[in-house]
Amino acid sequence: MARFLALILLVLALARPAAADTVFAENGVALRGTDVVAYFTAGDAVPGKPEFRHDWNGATWHFASAQNRDAFAADPARYAPQYGGFCAWAVANNYTAPIDPDAWRIADGKLYLNYSRFVQLRWDMSRAANIAKADANWPALSRR
């Protein structure tokens, strides 16, 4: 329990309003450079390469291949993570937090990312309720 509380305090310390950023990006690169299409096609977090990039929604997205880049460019809504790639558990709790690209889940054809694998396990315990809360919270968070 103490570890869980310490983790929550850490997440809260790193949390920030989404501000004008509607995509989790560091130095302008979305999702720490992870190829979002690969979550769907390879079933894994695959690092993207800067030479296969696409600018969308205020961020630069990296892909492992030209094929993945072109698939994303043709239909970004199909591949883009929910809540701009911010931690789904955090958004369910009405704030934003960074993510670990290895803490992910595809549910009902949508990609959700979380702060850590531990947070993802907590999120998964009440996935449907957390998605409903995050869906309700995201419009206001994305406008801050």
C-alpha atoms as a PDB file:
ATOM      1  CA  MET A   1       0.000   0.000   0.000  1.00  0.00           C
ATOM      2  CA  ALA A   2       2.859   2.362   0.814  1.00  0.00           C
ATOM      3  CA  ARG A   3       4.370   1.751  -2.639  1.00  0.00           C
ATOM      4  CA  PHE A   4       1.023   2.522  -4.256  1.00  0.00           C
ATOM      5  CA  LEU A   5       0.705   5.790  -2.323  1.00  0.00           C
ATOM      6  CA  ALA A   6       4.265   6.738  -3.231  1.00  0.00           C
ATOM      7  CA  LEU A   7       3.505   6.037  -6.894  1.00  0.00           C
ATOM      8  CA  ILE A   8       0.350   8.148  -6.745  1.00  0.00           C
ATOM      9  CA  LEU A   9       2.314  11.022  -5.226  1.00  0.00           C
ATOM     10  CA  LEU A  10       4.887  10.730  -7.997  1.00  0.00           C
ATOM     11  CA  VAL A  11       2.196  10.737 -10.683  1.00  0.00           C
ATOM     12  CA  LEU A  12       0.573  13.791  -9.095  1.00  0.00           C
ATOM     13  CA  ALA A  13       3.929  15.554  -8.969  1.00  0.00           C
ATOM     14  CA  LEU A  14       4.424  14.953 -12.689  1.00  0.00           C
ATOM     15  CA  ALA A  15       0.831  15.776 -13.558  1.00  0.00           C
ATOM     16  CA  ARG A  16       0.067  18.974 -15.342  1.00  0.00           C
ATOM     17  CA  PRO A  17      -2.879  20.522 -17.083  1.00  0.00           C
ATOM     18  CA  ALA A  18      -3.047  19.633 -20.750  1.00  0.00           C
ATOM     19  CA  ALA A  19      -2.909  23.341 -21.577  1.00  0.00           C
ATOM     20  CA  ALA A  20      -2.955  23.975 -25.299  1.00  0.00           C
ATOM     21  CA  ASP A  21      -1.242  20.646 -25.892  1.00  0.00           C
ATOM     22  CA  THR A  22      -3.762  18.030 -26.904  1.00  0.00           C
ATOM     23  CA  VAL A  23      -1.060  15.459 -27.656  1.00  0.00           C
ATOM     24  CA  PHE A  24       1.517  14.120 -25.222  1.00  0.00           C
ATOM     25  CA  ALA A  25       4.744  15.266 -26.862  1.00  0.00           C
ATOM     26  CA  GLU A  26       8.244  15.966 -25.626  1.00  0.00           C
ATOM     27  CA  ASN A  27      10.282  18.378 -27.731  1.00  0.00           C
ATOM     28  CA  GLY A  28       7.456  18.255 -30.263  1.00  0.00           C
ATOM     29  CA  VAL A  29       7.667  14.461 -30.742  1.00  0.00           C
ATOM     30  CA  ALA A  30       4.504  12.545 -29.887  1.00  0.00           C
ATOM     31  CA  LEU A  31       4.587   9.599 -27.487  1.00  0.00           C
ATOM     32  CA  ARG A  32       8.336   9.549 -27.048  1.00  0.00           C
ATOM     33  CA  GLY A  33       8.737   8.635 -30.714  1.00  0.00           C
ATOM     34  CA  THR A  34       6.793   5.375 -30.509  1.00  0.00           C
ATOM     35  CA  ASP A  35       5.083   4.124 -33.687  1.00  0.00           C
ATOM     36  CA  VAL A  36       1.347   4.113 -32.867  1.00  0.00           C
ATOM     37  CA  VAL A  37       0.443   2.008 -35.899  1.00  0.00           C
ATOM     38  CA  ALA A  38       2.714  -0.775 -34.639  1.00  0.00           C
ATOM     39  CA  TYR A  39       0.562  -1.224 -31.534  1.00  0.00           C
ATOM     40  CA  PHE A  40      -2.169  -2.406 -33.900  1.00  0.00           C
ATOM     41  CA  THR A  41      -0.079  -4.253 -36.474  1.00  0.00           C
ATOM     42  CA  ALA A  42       2.819  -5.700 -34.448  1.00  0.00           C
ATOM     43  CA  GLY A  43       1.087  -5.829 -31.073  1.00  0.00           C
ATOM     44  CA  ASP A  44       4.026  -4.092 -29.436  1.00  0.00           C
ATOM     45  CA  ALA A  45       5.544  -0.714 -28.627  1.00  0.00           C
ATOM     46  CA  VAL A  46       7.970  -0.185 -31.496  1.00  0.00           C
ATOM     47  CA  PRO A  47      10.286   2.834 -31.630  1.00  0.00           C
ATOM     48  CA  GLY A  48       9.690   5.051 -34.618  1.00  0.00           C
ATOM     49  CA  LYS A  49      12.417   6.605 -36.759  1.00  0.00           C
ATOM     50  CA  PRO A  50      12.684  10.328 -37.458  1.00  0.00           C
ATOM     51  CA  GLU A  51      12.987   9.667 -41.192  1.00  0.00           C
ATOM     52  CA  PHE A  52       9.430   8.257 -41.153  1.00  0.00           C
ATOM     53  CA  ARG A  53       7.601  11.169 -39.593  1.00  0.00           C
ATOM     54  CA  HIS A  54       4.259  12.832 -40.015  1.00  0.00           C
ATOM     55  CA  ASP A  55       3.050  16.093 -38.489  1.00  0.00           C
ATOM     56  CA  TRP A  56      -0.465  15.890 -37.097  1.00  0.00           C
ATOM     57  CA  ASN A  57      -2.437  17.627 -34.390  1.00  0.00           C
ATOM     58  CA  GLY A  58       0.440  19.882 -33.343  1.00  0.00           C
ATOM     59  CA  ALA A  59       3.045  17.146 -32.911  1.00  0.00           C
ATOM     60  CA  THR A  60       5.521  15.160 -34.970  1.00  0.00           C
ATOM     61  CA  TRP A  61       4.770  11.439 -34.990  1.00  0.00           C
ATOM     62  CA  HIS A  62       7.509   8.893 -35.728  1.00  0.00           C
ATOM     63  CA  PHE A  63       6.974   5.524 -37.402  1.00  0.00           C
ATOM     64  CA  ALA A  64       9.043   2.392 -37.891  1.00  0.00           C
ATOM     65  CA  SER A  65       8.342   2.339 -41.631  1.00  0.00           C
ATOM     66  CA  ALA A  66       6.984   4.407 -44.490  1.00  0.00           C
ATOM     67  CA  GLN A  67       4.067   1.968 -44.674  1.00  0.00           C
ATOM     68  CA  ASN A  68       3.069   2.714 -41.063  1.00  0.00           C
ATOM     69  CA  ARG A  69       3.512   6.455 -41.597  1.00  0.00           C
ATOM     70  CA  ASP A  70       1.296   6.351 -44.659  1.00  0.00           C
ATOM     71  CA  ALA A  71      -1.368   4.282 -42.852  1.00  0.00           C
ATOM     72  CA  PHE A  72      -1.459   6.864 -40.057  1.00  0.00           C
ATOM     73  CA  ALA A  73      -1.537   9.807 -42.470  1.00  0.00           C
ATOM     74  CA  ALA A  74      -4.478   8.240 -44.301  1.00  0.00           C
ATOM     75  CA  ASP A  75      -6.529   7.684 -41.119  1.00  0.00           C
ATOM     76  CA  PRO A  76      -5.024   9.215 -37.965  1.00  0.00           C
ATOM     77  CA  ALA A  77      -8.233   8.780 -35.944  1.00  0.00           C
ATOM     78  CA  ARG A  78      -7.935   5.011 -36.391  1.00  0.00           C
ATOM     79  CA  TYR A  79      -4.467   4.846 -34.805  1.00  0.00           C
ATOM     80  CA  ALA A  80      -4.090   7.907 -32.573  1.00  0.00           C
ATOM     81  CA  PRO A  81      -4.247   7.102 -28.872  1.00  0.00           C
ATOM     82  CA  GLN A  82      -7.144   8.233 -26.758  1.00  0.00           C
ATOM     83  CA  TYR A  83      -6.767  11.438 -24.736  1.00  0.00           C
ATOM     84  CA  GLY A  84      -3.935  12.661 -26.918  1.00  0.00           C
ATOM     85  CA  GLY A  85      -1.679   9.917 -25.614  1.00  0.00           C
ATOM     86  CA  PHE A  86      -1.736  11.222 -22.048  1.00  0.00           C
ATOM     87  CA  CYS A  87      -2.093   8.666 -19.266  1.00  0.00           C
ATOM     88  CA  ALA A  88      -5.612   7.217 -19.441  1.00  0.00           C
ATOM     89  CA  TRP A  89      -5.724   6.631 -15.685  1.00  0.00           C
ATOM     90  CA  ALA A  90      -4.764  10.247 -15.012  1.00  0.00           C
ATOM     91  CA  VAL A  91      -7.403  11.566 -17.413  1.00  0.00           C
ATOM     92  CA  ALA A  92      -9.970   9.351 -15.670  1.00  0.00           C
ATOM     93  CA  ASN A  93      -8.946  11.160 -12.476  1.00  0.00           C
ATOM     94  CA  ASN A  94      -9.209  14.593 -14.143  1.00  0.00           C
ATOM     95  CA  TYR A  95      -5.572  15.492 -14.771  1.00  0.00           C
ATOM     96  CA  THR A  96      -2.900  14.662 -17.324  1.00  0.00           C
ATOM     97  CA  ALA A  97       0.340  12.783 -16.849  1.00  0.00           C
ATOM     98  CA  PRO A  98       3.112  11.456 -19.097  1.00  0.00           C
ATOM     99  CA  ILE A  99       3.155   7.870 -20.333  1.00  0.00           C
ATOM    100  CA  ASP A 100       5.373   4.853 -20.654  1.00  0.00           C
ATOM    101  CA  PRO A 101       5.001   3.592 -24.244  1.00  0.00           C
ATOM    102  CA  ASP A 102       5.210   0.019 -22.903  1.00  0.00           C
ATOM    103  CA  ALA A 103       2.116   0.545 -20.701  1.00  0.00           C
ATOM    104  CA  TRP A 104      -0.607   0.226 -23.303  1.00  0.00           C
ATOM    105  CA  ARG A 105      -3.810  -1.565 -24.132  1.00  0.00           C
ATOM    106  CA  ILE A 106      -6.088  -1.720 -27.158  1.00  0.00           C
ATOM    107  CA  ALA A 107      -9.716  -1.927 -26.044  1.00  0.00           C
ATOM    108  CA  ASP A 108     -12.627  -1.858 -28.482  1.00  0.00           C
ATOM    109  CA  GLY A 109     -10.226  -0.909 -31.263  1.00  0.00           C
ATOM    110  CA  LYS A 110      -8.841   2.120 -29.406  1.00  0.00           C
ATOM    111  CA  LEU A 111      -5.327   2.648 -28.052  1.00  0.00           C
ATOM    112  CA  TYR A 112      -4.924   3.655 -24.404  1.00  0.00           C
ATOM    113  CA  LEU A 113      -1.593   4.509 -22.787  1.00  0.00           C
ATOM    114  CA  ASN A 114      -0.703   4.779 -19.114  1.00  0.00           C
ATOM    115  CA  TYR A 115       1.993   6.265 -16.912  1.00  0.00           C
ATOM    116  CA  SER A 116       3.478   2.868 -16.033  1.00  0.00           C
ATOM    117  CA  ARG A 117       2.645  -0.802 -16.186  1.00  0.00           C
ATOM    118  CA  PHE A 118       1.607  -0.668 -12.534  1.00  0.00           C
ATOM    119  CA  VAL A 119      -0.802   2.201 -13.210  1.00  0.00           C
ATOM    120  CA  GLN A 120      -2.063   0.297 -16.240  1.00  0.00           C
ATOM    121  CA  LEU A 121      -2.900  -2.699 -14.035  1.00  0.00           C
ATOM    122  CA  ARG A 122      -4.873  -0.386 -11.738  1.00  0.00           C
ATOM    123  CA  TRP A 123      -6.613   1.166 -14.772  1.00  0.00           C
ATOM    124  CA  ASP A 124      -7.433  -2.296 -16.165  1.00  0.00           C
ATOM    125  CA  MET A 125      -9.112  -3.340 -12.908  1.00  0.00           C
ATOM    126  CA  SER A 126     -12.002  -0.977 -13.710  1.00  0.00           C
ATOM    127  CA  ARG A 127     -11.306  -0.354 -17.393  1.00  0.00           C
ATOM    128  CA  ALA A 128     -14.859   0.392 -18.536  1.00  0.00           C
ATOM    129  CA  ALA A 129     -15.506   2.790 -15.642  1.00  0.00           C
ATOM    130  CA  ASN A 130     -12.136   4.477 -16.136  1.00  0.00           C
ATOM    131  CA  ILE A 131     -12.787   4.926 -19.858  1.00  0.00           C
ATOM    132  CA  ALA A 132     -16.206   6.426 -19.126  1.00  0.00           C
ATOM    133  CA  LYS A 133     -14.701   8.862 -16.605  1.00  0.00           C
ATOM    134  CA  ALA A 134     -11.824   9.774 -18.912  1.00  0.00           C
ATOM    135  CA  ASP A 135     -14.189  10.273 -21.856  1.00  0.00           C
ATOM    136  CA  ALA A 136     -16.180  12.706 -19.698  1.00  0.00           C
ATOM    137  CA  ASN A 137     -13.061  14.520 -18.411  1.00  0.00           C
ATOM    138  CA  TRP A 138     -11.059  14.797 -21.632  1.00  0.00           C
ATOM    139  CA  PRO A 139     -13.040  17.583 -23.377  1.00  0.00           C
ATOM    140  CA  ALA A 140     -12.384  20.014 -20.515  1.00  0.00           C
ATOM    141  CA  LEU A 141      -8.785  18.842 -19.965  1.00  0.00           C
ATOM    142  CA  SER A 142      -7.935  19.238 -23.635  1.00  0.00           C
ATOM    143  CA  ARG A 143      -9.137  22.863 -23.576  1.00  0.00           C
ATOM    144  CA  ARG A 144      -7.077  23.994 -20.569  1.00  0.00           C
END
